[in-house]
């Protein structure tokens, strides 16, 4: 069995001190962004730096939320470039409809559960 704990801080600064504690025992960290919001995509480098600082060796992946994308593209070029430059897996799903979320969780459970 796999235990999934999700912490969504919505990038809010008031959670800064608390969220750093979440990283240290994580099996995997998912960075999530809206594929249609430039500021969300632009902040990925900041989140990755924070992850490397506090998460040490936690593997990480990027999840692109396609729920607000008018014409969903599974791997938008700016996200693909970001992931390629850091060798980070890119997954996509629609958090509003749930499309691809089961597949995403299955992939993550299979890929990362053996690391613990």
N, C-alpha and C. Protein backbone atom coordinates (compact mmCIF):
# COMPACT_ATOMS: atom_id res chain seq x y z
N UNK A 1 0.84 -1.18 0.00
CA UNK A 1 0.00 0.00 0.00
C UNK A 1 0.88 1.24 0.00
N UNK A 2 0.32 2.32 -0.48
CA UNK A 2 1.04 3.58 -0.59
C UNK A 2 0.27 4.65 0.14
N UNK A 3 0.97 5.42 0.94
CA UNK A 3 0.36 6.53 1.66
C UNK A 3 0.71 7.82 0.93
N UNK A 4 -0.31 8.59 0.58
CA UNK A 4 -0.10 9.86 -0.10
C UNK A 4 -0.55 10.98 0.82
N UNK A 5 0.34 11.92 1.06
CA UNK A 5 0.02 13.10 1.85
C UNK A 5 0.26 14.30 0.95
N UNK A 6 -0.74 15.12 0.78
CA UNK A 6 -0.63 16.28 -0.10
C UNK A 6 -0.70 17.55 0.73
N UNK A 7 0.27 18.42 0.51
CA UNK A 7 0.29 19.72 1.16
C UNK A 7 0.21 20.76 0.06
N UNK A 8 -0.84 21.51 0.02
CA UNK A 8 -1.01 22.56 -0.98
C UNK A 8 -0.97 23.90 -0.26
N UNK A 9 0.14 24.60 -0.42
CA UNK A 9 0.30 25.89 0.24
C UNK A 9 -0.01 27.05 -0.70
N UNK A 10 -0.33 26.75 -1.93
CA UNK A 10 -0.71 27.77 -2.92
C UNK A 10 0.29 28.91 -3.00
N UNK A 11 1.53 28.62 -2.79
CA UNK A 11 2.61 29.61 -2.90
C UNK A 11 2.50 30.76 -1.91
N UNK A 12 1.72 30.60 -0.88
CA UNK A 12 1.51 31.70 0.05
C UNK A 12 2.69 31.83 1.01
N UNK A 13 3.15 33.05 1.16
CA UNK A 13 4.31 33.33 2.01
C UNK A 13 4.07 32.98 3.48
N UNK A 14 2.81 33.05 3.93
CA UNK A 14 2.54 32.77 5.34
C UNK A 14 2.87 31.32 5.71
N UNK A 15 3.01 30.45 4.69
CA UNK A 15 3.36 29.05 4.96
C UNK A 15 4.85 28.77 4.77
N UNK A 16 5.63 29.79 4.51
CA UNK A 16 7.05 29.62 4.21
C UNK A 16 7.78 28.78 5.25
N UNK A 17 7.69 29.15 6.50
CA UNK A 17 8.44 28.43 7.53
C UNK A 17 7.93 27.02 7.74
N UNK A 18 6.65 26.82 7.61
CA UNK A 18 6.07 25.49 7.82
C UNK A 18 6.36 24.56 6.65
N UNK A 19 6.25 25.07 5.43
CA UNK A 19 6.40 24.18 4.28
C UNK A 19 7.80 23.63 4.13
N UNK A 20 8.79 24.33 4.61
CA UNK A 20 10.15 23.81 4.51
C UNK A 20 10.31 22.50 5.28
N UNK A 21 9.52 22.33 6.32
CA UNK A 21 9.54 21.08 7.09
C UNK A 21 8.95 19.91 6.31
N UNK A 22 8.07 20.21 5.36
CA UNK A 22 7.42 19.15 4.59
C UNK A 22 8.41 18.40 3.71
N UNK A 23 9.43 19.08 3.27
CA UNK A 23 10.36 18.49 2.31
C UNK A 23 11.23 17.37 2.89
N UNK A 24 11.66 17.51 4.11
CA UNK A 24 12.76 16.66 4.59
C UNK A 24 12.47 15.16 4.63
N UNK A 25 11.25 14.74 4.85
CA UNK A 25 10.96 13.31 4.87
C UNK A 25 10.15 12.86 3.66
N UNK A 26 10.08 13.68 2.65
CA UNK A 26 9.27 13.34 1.48
C UNK A 26 9.94 12.27 0.63
N UNK A 27 9.14 11.34 0.16
CA UNK A 27 9.63 10.33 -0.77
C UNK A 27 9.77 10.95 -2.16
N UNK A 28 8.83 11.79 -2.51
CA UNK A 28 8.87 12.53 -3.77
C UNK A 28 8.14 13.87 -3.55
N UNK A 29 8.61 14.89 -4.23
CA UNK A 29 7.98 16.20 -4.15
C UNK A 29 7.46 16.55 -5.54
N UNK A 30 6.19 16.91 -5.60
CA UNK A 30 5.59 17.33 -6.85
C UNK A 30 5.50 18.84 -6.89
N UNK A 31 6.12 19.43 -7.86
CA UNK A 31 5.95 20.85 -8.08
C UNK A 31 4.79 20.96 -9.06
N UNK A 32 3.79 21.74 -8.73
CA UNK A 32 2.61 21.87 -9.59
C UNK A 32 2.51 23.31 -10.08
N UNK A 33 2.09 23.44 -11.32
CA UNK A 33 1.89 24.77 -11.85
C UNK A 33 0.74 24.74 -12.85
N UNK A 34 0.20 25.89 -13.08
CA UNK A 34 -0.83 26.06 -14.10
C UNK A 34 -0.13 26.27 -15.43
N UNK A 35 -0.40 25.42 -16.38
CA UNK A 35 0.29 25.52 -17.66
C UNK A 35 -0.11 26.76 -18.46
N UNK A 36 -1.20 27.41 -18.06
CA UNK A 36 -1.65 28.58 -18.81
C UNK A 36 -1.38 29.90 -18.10
N UNK A 37 -0.69 29.85 -16.96
CA UNK A 37 -0.41 31.07 -16.21
C UNK A 37 1.09 31.34 -16.22
N UNK A 38 1.53 32.35 -16.98
CA UNK A 38 2.96 32.63 -17.08
C UNK A 38 3.66 32.81 -15.73
N UNK A 39 3.02 33.45 -14.77
CA UNK A 39 3.66 33.66 -13.46
C UNK A 39 3.85 32.34 -12.73
N UNK A 40 2.95 31.40 -12.92
CA UNK A 40 3.08 30.09 -12.30
C UNK A 40 4.28 29.34 -12.87
N UNK A 41 4.40 29.40 -14.19
CA UNK A 41 5.53 28.74 -14.85
C UNK A 41 6.84 29.46 -14.48
N UNK A 42 6.82 30.78 -14.42
CA UNK A 42 8.02 31.56 -14.11
C UNK A 42 8.54 31.29 -12.71
N UNK A 43 7.66 30.91 -11.79
CA UNK A 43 8.09 30.69 -10.41
C UNK A 43 8.71 29.31 -10.18
N UNK A 44 8.74 28.46 -11.17
CA UNK A 44 9.26 27.10 -11.00
C UNK A 44 10.72 27.07 -10.54
N UNK A 45 11.52 27.95 -11.07
CA UNK A 45 12.94 27.97 -10.67
C UNK A 45 13.08 28.28 -9.18
N UNK A 46 12.26 29.21 -8.69
CA UNK A 46 12.29 29.54 -7.26
C UNK A 46 11.90 28.33 -6.42
N UNK A 47 10.84 27.62 -6.84
CA UNK A 47 10.40 26.45 -6.08
C UNK A 47 11.45 25.35 -6.13
N UNK A 48 12.10 25.18 -7.26
CA UNK A 48 13.12 24.14 -7.35
C UNK A 48 14.31 24.49 -6.44
N UNK A 49 14.68 25.74 -6.38
CA UNK A 49 15.77 26.15 -5.48
C UNK A 49 15.42 25.87 -4.03
N UNK A 50 14.17 26.17 -3.65
CA UNK A 50 13.72 25.88 -2.29
C UNK A 50 13.74 24.39 -2.01
N UNK A 51 13.28 23.63 -2.97
CA UNK A 51 13.28 22.17 -2.82
C UNK A 51 14.69 21.64 -2.62
N UNK A 52 15.63 22.10 -3.42
CA UNK A 52 17.01 21.63 -3.28
C UNK A 52 17.61 22.05 -1.95
N UNK A 53 17.21 23.21 -1.46
CA UNK A 53 17.74 23.69 -0.18
C UNK A 53 17.21 22.87 1.00
N UNK A 54 15.91 22.59 1.00
CA UNK A 54 15.30 21.94 2.15
C UNK A 54 15.00 20.46 1.94
N UNK A 55 14.85 20.05 0.72
CA UNK A 55 14.47 18.67 0.44
C UNK A 55 15.65 17.75 0.25
N UNK A 56 16.83 18.32 0.21
CA UNK A 56 18.06 17.57 0.02
C UNK A 56 17.95 16.64 -1.18
N UNK A 57 17.80 15.34 -0.95
CA UNK A 57 17.82 14.37 -2.04
C UNK A 57 16.44 13.91 -2.49
N UNK A 58 15.39 14.59 -2.07
CA UNK A 58 14.05 14.16 -2.48
C UNK A 58 13.91 14.25 -3.99
N UNK A 59 13.54 13.16 -4.63
CA UNK A 59 13.29 13.25 -6.07
C UNK A 59 12.06 14.14 -6.30
N UNK A 60 12.02 14.77 -7.44
CA UNK A 60 10.89 15.65 -7.70
C UNK A 60 10.47 15.55 -9.16
N UNK A 61 9.23 15.93 -9.37
CA UNK A 61 8.64 15.92 -10.70
C UNK A 61 7.75 17.14 -10.82
N UNK A 62 7.45 17.51 -12.05
CA UNK A 62 6.58 18.65 -12.30
C UNK A 62 5.24 18.14 -12.81
N UNK A 63 4.17 18.69 -12.25
CA UNK A 63 2.82 18.38 -12.71
C UNK A 63 2.22 19.66 -13.27
N UNK A 64 1.86 19.61 -14.54
CA UNK A 64 1.23 20.76 -15.19
C UNK A 64 -0.28 20.57 -15.13
N UNK A 65 -0.95 21.51 -14.48
CA UNK A 65 -2.41 21.48 -14.41
C UNK A 65 -2.96 22.10 -15.69
N UNK A 66 -3.70 21.31 -16.43
CA UNK A 66 -4.25 21.76 -17.70
C UNK A 66 -5.68 22.27 -17.58
N UNK A 67 -6.19 22.42 -16.36
CA UNK A 67 -7.61 22.75 -16.19
C UNK A 67 -8.00 24.13 -16.72
N UNK A 68 -7.07 25.04 -16.83
CA UNK A 68 -7.41 26.37 -17.32
C UNK A 68 -6.85 26.64 -18.71
N UNK A 69 -6.35 25.61 -19.34
CA UNK A 69 -5.78 25.75 -20.66
C UNK A 69 -6.88 25.58 -21.70
N UNK A 70 -7.14 26.59 -22.53
CA UNK A 70 -8.23 26.48 -23.50
C UNK A 70 -8.07 25.30 -24.45
N UNK A 71 -6.89 25.12 -24.98
CA UNK A 71 -6.60 23.98 -25.84
C UNK A 71 -5.46 23.22 -25.19
N UNK A 72 -5.76 22.24 -24.36
CA UNK A 72 -4.70 21.57 -23.61
C UNK A 72 -3.60 21.00 -24.49
N UNK A 73 -2.41 21.32 -24.12
CA UNK A 73 -1.24 20.75 -24.75
C UNK A 73 -0.55 19.93 -23.69
N UNK A 74 -0.33 18.66 -23.91
CA UNK A 74 0.21 17.82 -22.85
C UNK A 74 1.56 18.27 -22.29
N UNK A 75 2.42 18.84 -23.13
CA UNK A 75 3.72 19.28 -22.66
C UNK A 75 4.09 20.61 -23.32
N UNK A 76 3.58 21.71 -22.78
CA UNK A 76 3.91 23.02 -23.36
C UNK A 76 5.42 23.25 -23.40
N UNK A 77 5.89 23.94 -24.41
CA UNK A 77 7.33 24.06 -24.65
C UNK A 77 8.10 24.69 -23.50
N UNK A 78 7.54 25.70 -22.83
CA UNK A 78 8.29 26.31 -21.72
C UNK A 78 8.45 25.32 -20.56
N UNK A 79 7.45 24.52 -20.31
CA UNK A 79 7.56 23.50 -19.26
C UNK A 79 8.51 22.39 -19.67
N UNK A 80 8.46 22.02 -20.93
CA UNK A 80 9.36 20.98 -21.44
C UNK A 80 10.81 21.44 -21.31
N UNK A 81 11.08 22.68 -21.67
CA UNK A 81 12.45 23.21 -21.54
C UNK A 81 12.91 23.21 -20.09
N UNK A 82 12.04 23.65 -19.18
CA UNK A 82 12.40 23.67 -17.77
C UNK A 82 12.76 22.27 -17.29
N UNK A 83 11.90 21.32 -17.59
CA UNK A 83 12.13 19.94 -17.14
C UNK A 83 13.36 19.32 -17.79
N UNK A 84 13.56 19.60 -19.05
CA UNK A 84 14.74 19.07 -19.74
C UNK A 84 16.03 19.62 -19.15
N UNK A 85 16.02 20.90 -18.81
CA UNK A 85 17.24 21.51 -18.29
C UNK A 85 17.65 20.95 -16.93
N UNK A 86 16.70 20.41 -16.17
CA UNK A 86 17.01 19.86 -14.85
C UNK A 86 16.77 18.35 -14.77
N UNK A 87 16.45 17.72 -15.89
CA UNK A 87 16.16 16.28 -15.93
C UNK A 87 15.05 15.91 -14.94
N UNK A 88 13.97 16.68 -14.98
CA UNK A 88 12.81 16.46 -14.12
C UNK A 88 11.68 15.87 -14.96
N UNK A 89 11.04 14.81 -14.49
CA UNK A 89 9.89 14.28 -15.24
C UNK A 89 8.75 15.29 -15.27
N UNK A 90 8.06 15.35 -16.41
CA UNK A 90 6.91 16.23 -16.57
C UNK A 90 5.66 15.37 -16.77
N UNK A 91 4.67 15.63 -15.94
CA UNK A 91 3.38 14.95 -16.04
C UNK A 91 2.32 16.03 -16.20
N UNK A 92 1.20 15.66 -16.77
CA UNK A 92 0.10 16.62 -16.88
C UNK A 92 -1.21 15.97 -16.48
N UNK A 93 -2.07 16.78 -15.94
CA UNK A 93 -3.41 16.31 -15.58
C UNK A 93 -4.33 17.52 -15.51
N UNK A 94 -5.60 17.24 -15.42
CA UNK A 94 -6.59 18.29 -15.30
C UNK A 94 -7.18 18.19 -13.90
N UNK A 95 -6.79 19.08 -13.02
CA UNK A 95 -7.23 19.00 -11.64
C UNK A 95 -8.70 19.35 -11.46
N UNK A 96 -9.28 20.04 -12.43
CA UNK A 96 -10.71 20.37 -12.34
C UNK A 96 -11.58 19.17 -12.66
N UNK A 97 -11.17 18.38 -13.65
CA UNK A 97 -11.98 17.22 -14.06
C UNK A 97 -11.45 15.91 -13.51
N UNK A 98 -10.21 15.91 -13.06
CA UNK A 98 -9.59 14.67 -12.57
C UNK A 98 -8.93 13.87 -13.68
N UNK A 99 -8.97 14.35 -14.91
CA UNK A 99 -8.37 13.64 -16.04
C UNK A 99 -6.88 13.43 -15.80
N UNK A 100 -6.43 12.19 -15.94
CA UNK A 100 -5.04 11.76 -15.79
C UNK A 100 -4.55 11.74 -14.34
N UNK A 101 -5.36 12.07 -13.36
CA UNK A 101 -4.86 12.06 -11.99
C UNK A 101 -4.62 10.64 -11.48
N UNK A 102 -5.47 9.71 -11.81
CA UNK A 102 -5.26 8.31 -11.39
C UNK A 102 -3.98 7.76 -12.00
N UNK A 103 -3.79 8.05 -13.28
CA UNK A 103 -2.58 7.59 -13.96
C UNK A 103 -1.34 8.21 -13.33
N UNK A 104 -1.43 9.49 -13.01
CA UNK A 104 -0.30 10.18 -12.38
C UNK A 104 0.04 9.54 -11.04
N UNK A 105 -0.95 9.31 -10.20
CA UNK A 105 -0.69 8.70 -8.89
C UNK A 105 -0.14 7.29 -9.03
N UNK A 106 -0.60 6.55 -10.01
CA UNK A 106 -0.09 5.21 -10.25
C UNK A 106 1.38 5.24 -10.67
N UNK A 107 1.71 6.15 -11.57
CA UNK A 107 3.10 6.31 -12.00
C UNK A 107 3.99 6.68 -10.82
N UNK A 108 3.53 7.62 -10.02
CA UNK A 108 4.33 8.07 -8.88
C UNK A 108 4.51 6.95 -7.85
N UNK A 109 3.45 6.23 -7.58
CA UNK A 109 3.54 5.12 -6.62
C UNK A 109 4.50 4.06 -7.10
N UNK A 110 4.45 3.74 -8.36
CA UNK A 110 5.33 2.72 -8.94
C UNK A 110 6.77 3.20 -8.98
N UNK A 111 6.97 4.44 -9.39
CA UNK A 111 8.31 4.96 -9.58
C UNK A 111 9.05 5.27 -8.28
N UNK A 112 8.33 5.75 -7.28
CA UNK A 112 9.00 6.26 -6.10
C UNK A 112 8.82 5.45 -4.83
N UNK A 113 7.87 4.54 -4.78
CA UNK A 113 7.63 3.81 -3.54
C UNK A 113 8.79 2.91 -3.17
N UNK A 114 9.58 2.47 -4.12
CA UNK A 114 10.72 1.61 -3.81
C UNK A 114 11.87 2.37 -3.18
N UNK A 115 11.84 3.67 -3.21
CA UNK A 115 12.94 4.48 -2.66
C UNK A 115 12.94 4.53 -1.14
N UNK A 116 11.82 4.25 -0.50
CA UNK A 116 11.72 4.35 0.95
C UNK A 116 12.30 3.14 1.65
